[in-house]
Amino acid sequence: MAEINLHRQGFRTFLPRLMKTVRHARQTRTVRAPLFLGYLFTPLDMTRDQWRRINGSFGVLSLIMGGEQPKPVPSGVVEELIALAGAPGSDNWDVVDWGRRLTPGGPVRVLTGPFADQLGTLESLDDHGRARVLLEIMGAVRTVTLEGNALFAAA
């Protein structure tokens, strides 16, 4: 709601999303979910923009403030999220693709599917975006083939 109302007022916004598996009533479906629940980003020129209108917009709780003015996000954070998102104009232009940072042998977290939230090790990633991941399943390490965009490079 906040995103729609800010657009109507002329503010540009970026709401990074990820593809997430939701389980309900024994059914699973993959949906676009906000990466940061309850937050979206908007670029502001403090000398030109009437940023105080944002706090009065329907759907906005408040700006994150640093004293009397909105607190800026550290330089490069939003730009990196935009770089990891889909191509502008595509259906999933705002979906962050963590698969771009995957390296074989590195730790990964599964974001979607029946193995969602499990940690594993990336074995390989092919040219078609499929990934072979080593996961511990029922007490043994198994190789599972998943879509690369279903993985997040874990630390």
N, C-alpha and C. Protein backbone atom coordinates (compact mmCIF):
# COMPACT_ATOMS: atom_id res chain seq x y z
N MET A 1 0.82 -1.18 0.00
CA MET A 1 0.00 0.00 0.00
C MET A 1 0.87 1.25 0.00
N ALA A 2 1.92 1.22 0.82
CA ALA A 2 2.82 2.38 0.90
C ALA A 2 3.46 2.64 -0.45
N GLU A 3 3.89 1.58 -1.13
CA GLU A 3 4.54 1.74 -2.43
C GLU A 3 3.62 2.41 -3.44
N ILE A 4 2.39 1.99 -3.49
CA ILE A 4 1.41 2.56 -4.43
C ILE A 4 1.17 4.04 -4.12
N ASN A 5 0.97 4.36 -2.85
CA ASN A 5 0.70 5.75 -2.47
C ASN A 5 1.90 6.65 -2.69
N LEU A 6 3.10 6.16 -2.48
CA LEU A 6 4.30 6.98 -2.74
C LEU A 6 4.47 7.23 -4.23
N HIS A 7 4.17 6.23 -5.06
CA HIS A 7 4.23 6.42 -6.51
C HIS A 7 3.24 7.48 -6.96
N ARG A 8 2.06 7.46 -6.39
CA ARG A 8 1.04 8.46 -6.75
C ARG A 8 1.49 9.88 -6.43
N GLN A 9 2.36 10.02 -5.43
CA GLN A 9 2.87 11.33 -5.03
C GLN A 9 4.14 11.72 -5.78
N GLY A 10 4.61 10.83 -6.67
CA GLY A 10 5.78 11.15 -7.47
C GLY A 10 7.10 10.65 -6.91
N PHE A 11 7.07 9.88 -5.84
CA PHE A 11 8.31 9.30 -5.29
C PHE A 11 8.63 8.00 -6.01
N ARG A 12 9.91 7.81 -6.30
CA ARG A 12 10.36 6.53 -6.84
C ARG A 12 10.66 5.61 -5.66
N THR A 13 10.35 4.34 -5.81
CA THR A 13 10.61 3.39 -4.73
C THR A 13 11.28 2.14 -5.28
N PHE A 14 11.91 1.41 -4.39
CA PHE A 14 12.45 0.10 -4.72
C PHE A 14 12.14 -0.83 -3.56
N LEU A 15 11.36 -1.86 -3.84
CA LEU A 15 10.99 -2.85 -2.85
C LEU A 15 11.60 -4.17 -3.29
N PRO A 16 12.82 -4.48 -2.79
CA PRO A 16 13.45 -5.73 -3.21
C PRO A 16 12.67 -6.93 -2.69
N ARG A 17 12.54 -7.92 -3.55
CA ARG A 17 11.78 -9.13 -3.20
C ARG A 17 12.64 -10.36 -3.47
N LEU A 18 12.19 -11.48 -2.94
CA LEU A 18 12.80 -12.76 -3.24
C LEU A 18 11.70 -13.77 -3.47
N MET A 19 12.06 -14.83 -4.15
CA MET A 19 11.11 -15.91 -4.37
C MET A 19 11.16 -16.81 -3.15
N LYS A 20 10.00 -17.05 -2.54
CA LYS A 20 9.94 -17.77 -1.28
C LYS A 20 8.86 -18.83 -1.36
N THR A 21 9.13 -20.00 -0.79
CA THR A 21 8.14 -21.05 -0.74
C THR A 21 7.30 -20.90 0.51
N VAL A 22 5.98 -20.90 0.32
CA VAL A 22 5.03 -20.77 1.43
C VAL A 22 4.27 -22.08 1.54
N ARG A 23 4.23 -22.60 2.75
CA ARG A 23 3.49 -23.83 3.00
C ARG A 23 2.23 -23.50 3.78
N HIS A 24 1.10 -23.99 3.29
CA HIS A 24 -0.17 -23.78 3.99
C HIS A 24 -1.11 -24.92 3.64
N ALA A 25 -1.68 -25.52 4.64
CA ALA A 25 -2.66 -26.59 4.45
C ALA A 25 -2.12 -27.70 3.54
N ARG A 26 -0.89 -28.11 3.81
CA ARG A 26 -0.23 -29.20 3.08
C ARG A 26 0.03 -28.89 1.61
N GLN A 27 -0.04 -27.64 1.26
CA GLN A 27 0.27 -27.23 -0.11
C GLN A 27 1.41 -26.23 -0.07
N THR A 28 2.23 -26.26 -1.11
CA THR A 28 3.31 -25.28 -1.21
C THR A 28 3.13 -24.49 -2.49
N ARG A 29 3.51 -23.22 -2.41
CA ARG A 29 3.52 -22.39 -3.60
C ARG A 29 4.66 -21.39 -3.45
N THR A 30 5.19 -20.96 -4.56
CA THR A 30 6.28 -20.01 -4.57
C THR A 30 5.72 -18.62 -4.86
N VAL A 31 6.05 -17.67 -3.99
CA VAL A 31 5.53 -16.32 -4.12
C VAL A 31 6.68 -15.32 -4.06
N ARG A 32 6.42 -14.12 -4.57
CA ARG A 32 7.37 -13.01 -4.43
C ARG A 32 7.10 -12.35 -3.09
N ALA A 33 8.09 -12.39 -2.20
CA ALA A 33 7.95 -11.82 -0.86
C ALA A 33 8.98 -10.72 -0.65
N PRO A 34 8.64 -9.70 0.15
CA PRO A 34 9.61 -8.63 0.41
C PRO A 34 10.87 -9.19 1.06
N LEU A 35 12.00 -8.69 0.64
CA LEU A 35 13.27 -9.10 1.22
C LEU A 35 13.40 -8.56 2.64
N PHE A 36 12.98 -7.31 2.83
CA PHE A 36 12.98 -6.68 4.16
C PHE A 36 11.54 -6.36 4.50
N LEU A 37 10.92 -7.20 5.28
CA LEU A 37 9.51 -7.04 5.61
C LEU A 37 9.25 -5.70 6.28
N GLY A 38 8.37 -4.91 5.69
CA GLY A 38 8.00 -3.63 6.25
C GLY A 38 8.86 -2.45 5.81
N TYR A 39 9.82 -2.68 4.92
CA TYR A 39 10.71 -1.62 4.48
C TYR A 39 10.73 -1.53 2.96
N LEU A 40 10.84 -0.31 2.45
CA LEU A 40 11.13 -0.08 1.04
C LEU A 40 12.04 1.13 0.96
N PHE A 41 12.69 1.28 -0.17
CA PHE A 41 13.69 2.34 -0.34
C PHE A 41 13.18 3.39 -1.31
N THR A 42 13.50 4.64 -1.05
CA THR A 42 13.17 5.72 -1.96
C THR A 42 14.32 6.73 -1.96
N PRO A 43 14.81 7.09 -3.15
CA PRO A 43 15.88 8.09 -3.19
C PRO A 43 15.30 9.48 -2.89
N LEU A 44 16.02 10.24 -2.09
CA LEU A 44 15.56 11.58 -1.71
C LEU A 44 16.64 12.62 -1.95
N ASP A 45 16.25 13.76 -2.47
CA ASP A 45 17.11 14.93 -2.54
C ASP A 45 16.59 15.85 -1.44
N MET A 46 17.36 15.97 -0.38
CA MET A 46 16.89 16.69 0.80
C MET A 46 16.61 18.17 0.53
N THR A 47 17.22 18.71 -0.52
CA THR A 47 16.99 20.13 -0.84
C THR A 47 15.77 20.33 -1.74
N ARG A 48 15.37 19.30 -2.46
CA ARG A 48 14.28 19.43 -3.43
C ARG A 48 13.01 18.70 -3.02
N ASP A 49 13.14 17.48 -2.53
CA ASP A 49 11.97 16.64 -2.23
C ASP A 49 11.27 17.08 -0.95
N GLN A 50 9.96 17.00 -0.97
CA GLN A 50 9.17 17.28 0.23
C GLN A 50 9.01 15.97 0.99
N TRP A 51 10.11 15.54 1.60
CA TRP A 51 10.17 14.21 2.21
C TRP A 51 9.24 14.05 3.41
N ARG A 52 8.82 15.13 4.03
CA ARG A 52 7.92 15.02 5.20
C ARG A 52 6.56 14.44 4.79
N ARG A 53 6.19 14.57 3.52
CA ARG A 53 4.92 13.99 3.03
C ARG A 53 4.93 12.47 3.13
N ILE A 54 6.11 11.87 3.11
CA ILE A 54 6.20 10.41 3.16
C ILE A 54 5.58 9.88 4.45
N ASN A 55 5.90 10.50 5.59
CA ASN A 55 5.37 10.03 6.87
C ASN A 55 3.85 10.13 6.94
N GLY A 56 3.25 11.02 6.16
CA GLY A 56 1.80 11.16 6.15
C GLY A 56 1.11 10.29 5.12
N SER A 57 1.87 9.51 4.37
CA SER A 57 1.28 8.65 3.33
C SER A 57 0.65 7.41 3.94
N PHE A 58 -0.51 7.05 3.42
CA PHE A 58 -1.19 5.84 3.87
C PHE A 58 -0.31 4.63 3.61
N GLY A 59 -0.12 3.79 4.61
CA GLY A 59 0.71 2.59 4.49
C GLY A 59 2.12 2.77 5.01
N VAL A 60 2.53 4.02 5.26
CA VAL A 60 3.88 4.29 5.76
C VAL A 60 3.80 4.47 7.28
N LEU A 61 4.60 3.70 8.00
CA LEU A 61 4.68 3.88 9.45
C LEU A 61 5.51 5.12 9.75
N SER A 62 6.76 5.13 9.27
CA SER A 62 7.60 6.31 9.37
C SER A 62 8.92 6.07 8.65
N LEU A 63 9.56 7.16 8.31
CA LEU A 63 10.91 7.08 7.78
C LEU A 63 11.85 6.72 8.93
N ILE A 64 12.96 6.10 8.60
CA ILE A 64 13.99 5.86 9.61
C ILE A 64 14.76 7.16 9.73
N MET A 65 14.72 7.73 10.92
CA MET A 65 15.28 9.06 11.12
C MET A 65 16.63 9.02 11.82
N GLY A 66 17.46 9.99 11.47
CA GLY A 66 18.74 10.24 12.13
C GLY A 66 18.70 11.67 12.62
N GLY A 67 18.09 11.89 13.75
CA GLY A 67 17.90 13.26 14.23
C GLY A 67 16.66 13.86 13.60
N GLU A 68 16.84 15.01 12.95
CA GLU A 68 15.71 15.73 12.34
C GLU A 68 15.48 15.36 10.87
N GLN A 69 16.38 14.57 10.29
CA GLN A 69 16.26 14.22 8.87
C GLN A 69 16.30 12.71 8.69
N PRO A 70 15.77 12.22 7.54
CA PRO A 70 15.83 10.79 7.27
C PRO A 70 17.28 10.30 7.24
N LYS A 71 17.48 9.12 7.78
CA LYS A 71 18.82 8.54 7.83
C LYS A 71 19.08 7.82 6.50
N PRO A 72 20.19 8.15 5.83
CA PRO A 72 20.48 7.49 4.55
C PRO A 72 20.98 6.06 4.73
N VAL A 73 20.68 5.22 3.76
CA VAL A 73 21.21 3.86 3.71
C VAL A 73 22.67 3.98 3.30
N PRO A 74 23.58 3.19 3.90
CA PRO A 74 24.99 3.28 3.50
C PRO A 74 25.16 3.15 1.98
N SER A 75 26.08 3.92 1.46
CA SER A 75 26.33 3.96 0.02
C SER A 75 26.63 2.56 -0.53
N GLY A 76 25.98 2.24 -1.63
CA GLY A 76 26.24 0.99 -2.33
C GLY A 76 25.30 -0.15 -1.98
N VAL A 77 24.58 -0.07 -0.86
CA VAL A 77 23.71 -1.17 -0.45
C VAL A 77 22.55 -1.35 -1.42
N VAL A 78 21.81 -0.28 -1.67
CA VAL A 78 20.66 -0.38 -2.58
C VAL A 78 21.13 -0.66 -4.00
N GLU A 79 22.24 -0.04 -4.40
CA GLU A 79 22.78 -0.27 -5.74
C GLU A 79 23.13 -1.74 -5.95
N GLU A 80 23.67 -2.39 -4.92
CA GLU A 80 24.00 -3.82 -5.01
C GLU A 80 22.73 -4.66 -5.12
N LEU A 81 21.70 -4.30 -4.38
CA LEU A 81 20.42 -5.03 -4.48
C LEU A 81 19.82 -4.88 -5.87
N ILE A 82 19.89 -3.67 -6.42
CA ILE A 82 19.37 -3.43 -7.77
C ILE A 82 20.18 -4.23 -8.79
N ALA A 83 21.50 -4.30 -8.60
CA ALA A 83 22.36 -5.07 -9.51
C ALA A 83 22.04 -6.55 -9.47
N LEU A 84 21.58 -7.06 -8.33
CA LEU A 84 21.24 -8.47 -8.19
C LEU A 84 19.80 -8.77 -8.63
N ALA A 85 19.02 -7.72 -8.89
CA ALA A 85 17.62 -7.90 -9.29
C ALA A 85 17.53 -8.19 -10.79
N GLY A 86 16.33 -8.54 -11.23
CA GLY A 86 16.11 -8.85 -12.64
C GLY A 86 16.21 -7.63 -13.53
N ALA A 87 16.11 -7.87 -14.82
CA ALA A 87 16.20 -6.79 -15.81
C ALA A 87 14.99 -5.87 -15.71
N PRO A 88 15.21 -4.55 -15.76
CA PRO A 88 14.08 -3.61 -15.72
C PRO A 88 13.08 -3.91 -16.83
N GLY A 89 11.81 -3.87 -16.47
CA GLY A 89 10.76 -4.14 -17.44
C GLY A 89 10.31 -5.58 -17.46
N SER A 90 11.09 -6.50 -16.86
CA SER A 90 10.68 -7.90 -16.83
C SER A 90 9.67 -8.10 -15.70
N ASP A 91 9.01 -9.25 -15.69
CA ASP A 91 8.02 -9.54 -14.66
C ASP A 91 8.63 -9.59 -13.26
N ASN A 92 9.87 -10.03 -13.19
CA ASN A 92 10.54 -10.16 -11.90
C ASN A 92 11.66 -9.15 -11.75
N TRP A 93 11.44 -7.93 -12.21
CA TRP A 93 12.49 -6.91 -12.18
C TRP A 93 12.94 -6.57 -10.76
N ASP A 94 12.07 -6.79 -9.76
CA ASP A 94 12.41 -6.44 -8.38
C ASP A 94 12.86 -7.64 -7.55
N VAL A 95 12.95 -8.83 -8.17
CA VAL A 95 13.35 -10.03 -7.45
C VAL A 95 14.87 -10.13 -7.42
N VAL A 96 15.42 -10.17 -6.22
CA VAL A 96 16.87 -10.26 -6.04
C VAL A 96 17.30 -11.70 -6.30
N ASP A 97 18.26 -11.87 -7.20
CA ASP A 97 18.77 -13.19 -7.57
C ASP A 97 20.09 -13.42 -6.86
N TRP A 98 20.03 -14.09 -5.72
CA TRP A 98 21.24 -14.35 -4.94
C TRP A 98 22.17 -15.32 -5.66
N GLY A 99 21.66 -16.04 -6.64
CA GLY A 99 22.47 -17.02 -7.37
C GLY A 99 23.66 -16.42 -8.09
N ARG A 100 23.63 -15.12 -8.33
CA ARG A 100 24.74 -14.47 -9.02
C ARG A 100 26.02 -14.47 -8.19
N ARG A 101 25.93 -14.73 -6.91
CA ARG A 101 27.09 -14.71 -6.01
C ARG A 101 27.51 -16.11 -5.57
N LEU A 102 26.97 -17.13 -6.21
CA LEU A 102 27.28 -18.50 -5.82
C LEU A 102 28.63 -18.95 -6.36
N THR A 103 29.38 -19.67 -5.52
CA THR A 103 30.66 -20.24 -5.95
C THR A 103 30.71 -21.69 -5.53
N PRO A 104 31.14 -22.58 -6.43
CA PRO A 104 31.24 -24.00 -6.09
C PRO A 104 32.12 -24.20 -4.85
N GLY A 105 31.66 -25.08 -3.97
CA GLY A 105 32.37 -25.35 -2.72
C GLY A 105 31.95 -24.46 -1.58
N GLY A 106 31.16 -23.42 -1.90
CA GLY A 106 30.73 -22.47 -0.88
C GLY A 106 29.45 -22.89 -0.20
N PRO A 107 29.21 -22.34 0.99
CA PRO A 107 27.97 -22.65 1.70
C PRO A 107 26.78 -21.93 1.08
N VAL A 108 25.64 -22.59 1.05
CA VAL A 108 24.41 -22.02 0.49
C VAL A 108 23.24 -22.33 1.41
N ARG A 109 22.23 -21.47 1.32
CA ARG A 109 20.95 -21.72 2.01
C ARG A 109 19.89 -21.86 0.92
N VAL A 110 19.06 -22.87 1.05
CA VAL A 110 17.98 -23.10 0.10
C VAL A 110 16.82 -22.18 0.48
N LEU A 111 16.33 -21.40 -0.50
CA LEU A 111 15.27 -20.44 -0.24
C LEU A 111 13.88 -20.97 -0.53
N THR A 112 13.75 -21.84 -1.52
CA THR A 112 12.43 -22.31 -1.92
C THR A 112 12.42 -23.82 -2.08
N GLY A 113 11.22 -24.36 -2.21
CA GLY A 113 11.06 -25.78 -2.45
C GLY A 113 11.00 -26.60 -1.18
N PRO A 114 11.02 -27.92 -1.32
CA PRO A 114 10.87 -28.79 -0.15
C PRO A 114 12.05 -28.72 0.82
N PHE A 115 13.20 -28.21 0.38
CA PHE A 115 14.37 -28.11 1.25
C PHE A 115 14.60 -26.68 1.75
N ALA A 116 13.56 -25.84 1.69
CA ALA A 116 13.68 -24.43 2.09
C ALA A 116 14.26 -24.31 3.49
N ASP A 117 15.18 -23.34 3.65
CA ASP A 117 15.85 -23.01 4.91
C ASP A 117 16.96 -23.97 5.31
N GLN A 118 17.25 -24.98 4.50
CA GLN A 118 18.36 -25.88 4.84
C GLN A 118 19.67 -25.31 4.34
N LEU A 119 20.74 -25.59 5.09
CA LEU A 119 22.09 -25.19 4.70
C LEU A 119 22.76 -26.35 3.99
N GLY A 120 23.55 -26.03 2.98
CA GLY A 120 24.27 -27.06 2.25
C GLY A 120 25.53 -26.50 1.63
N THR A 121 26.16 -27.29 0.77
CA THR A 121 27.37 -26.89 0.06
C THR A 121 27.11 -26.99 -1.43
N LEU A 122 27.43 -25.92 -2.15
CA LEU A 122 27.25 -25.92 -3.60
C LEU A 122 28.32 -26.79 -4.24
N GLU A 123 27.89 -27.81 -4.97
CA GLU A 123 28.82 -28.70 -5.64
C GLU A 123 29.16 -28.16 -7.03
N SER A 124 28.11 -27.76 -7.79
CA SER A 124 28.35 -27.21 -9.13
C SER A 124 27.14 -26.41 -9.57
N LEU A 125 27.36 -25.54 -10.55
CA LEU A 125 26.32 -24.71 -11.13
C LEU A 125 26.51 -24.75 -12.63
N ASP A 126 25.48 -25.20 -13.38
CA ASP A 126 25.65 -25.32 -14.83
C ASP A 126 25.19 -24.07 -15.56
N ASP A 127 25.36 -24.07 -16.89
CA ASP A 127 25.02 -22.92 -17.72
C ASP A 127 23.52 -22.65 -17.81
N HIS A 128 22.72 -23.63 -17.43
CA HIS A 128 21.26 -23.49 -17.50
C HIS A 128 20.67 -23.02 -16.17
N GLY A 129 21.52 -22.72 -15.19
CA GLY A 129 21.05 -22.22 -13.90
C GLY A 129 20.71 -23.29 -12.90
N ARG A 130 21.00 -24.55 -13.22
CA ARG A 130 20.73 -25.63 -12.26
C ARG A 130 21.95 -25.82 -11.37
N ALA A 131 21.69 -26.09 -10.10
CA ALA A 131 22.77 -26.25 -9.13
C ALA A 131 22.69 -27.62 -8.49
N ARG A 132 23.85 -28.21 -8.30
CA ARG A 132 23.95 -29.47 -7.53
C ARG A 132 24.43 -29.08 -6.14
N VAL A 133 23.64 -29.45 -5.15
CA VAL A 133 23.91 -29.04 -3.77
C VAL A 133 23.99 -30.28 -2.88
N LEU A 134 24.96 -30.26 -1.97
CA LEU A 134 25.07 -31.33 -0.98
C LEU A 134 24.29 -30.91 0.25
N LEU A 135 23.26 -31.71 0.59
CA LEU A 135 22.42 -31.43 1.76
C LEU A 135 22.39 -32.64 2.67
N GLU A 136 22.28 -32.38 3.97
CA GLU A 136 22.12 -33.49 4.91
C GLU A 136 20.64 -33.80 4.99
N ILE A 137 20.29 -35.02 4.55
CA ILE A 137 18.90 -35.47 4.55
C ILE A 137 18.83 -36.81 5.25
N MET A 138 18.04 -36.90 6.28
CA MET A 138 17.85 -38.13 7.05
C MET A 138 19.18 -38.72 7.52
N GLY A 139 20.06 -37.87 7.99
CA GLY A 139 21.31 -38.32 8.58
C GLY A 139 22.43 -38.63 7.61
N ALA A 140 22.20 -38.43 6.32
CA ALA A 140 23.24 -38.69 5.33
C ALA A 140 23.33 -37.51 4.36
N VAL A 141 24.53 -37.30 3.80
CA VAL A 141 24.72 -36.23 2.84
C VAL A 141 24.29 -36.72 1.47
N ARG A 142 23.38 -35.99 0.85
CA ARG A 142 22.83 -36.36 -0.46
C ARG A 142 23.05 -35.21 -1.44
N THR A 143 23.16 -35.55 -2.72
CA THR A 143 23.26 -34.55 -3.78
C THR A 143 21.86 -34.28 -4.31
N VAL A 144 21.50 -32.99 -4.34
CA VAL A 144 20.19 -32.57 -4.81
C VAL A 144 20.39 -31.56 -5.92
N THR A 145 19.59 -31.65 -6.98
CA THR A 145 19.64 -30.68 -8.07
C THR A 145 18.51 -29.68 -7.88
N LEU A 146 18.88 -28.39 -7.85
CA LEU A 146 17.92 -27.31 -7.62
C LEU A 146 18.15 -26.19 -8.63
N GLU A 147 17.20 -25.28 -8.74
CA GLU A 147 17.40 -24.09 -9.54
C GLU A 147 18.36 -23.16 -8.79
N GLY A 148 19.29 -22.54 -9.51
CA GLY A 148 20.26 -21.65 -8.90
C GLY A 148 19.63 -20.48 -8.19
N ASN A 149 18.48 -19.99 -8.71
CA ASN A 149 17.85 -18.84 -8.05
C ASN A 149 17.09 -19.23 -6.79
N ALA A 150 17.10 -20.51 -6.45
CA ALA A 150 16.50 -20.97 -5.21
C ALA A 150 17.52 -21.00 -4.08
N LEU A 151 18.74 -20.52 -4.37
CA LEU A 151 19.82 -20.58 -3.39
C LEU A 151 20.33 -19.20 -3.03
N PHE A 152 20.84 -19.10 -1.83
CA PHE A 152 21.45 -17.87 -1.31
C PHE A 152 22.85 -18.23 -0.84
N ALA A 153 23.83 -17.44 -1.23
CA ALA A 153 25.21 -17.70 -0.78
C ALA A 153 25.28 -17.36 0.70
N ALA A 154 25.36 -18.38 1.56
CA ALA A 154 25.38 -18.18 3.00
C ALA A 154 26.80 -17.85 3.45
N ALA A 155 26.87 -17.21 4.60
CA ALA A 155 28.19 -16.85 5.14
C ALA A 155 28.71 -17.91 6.07
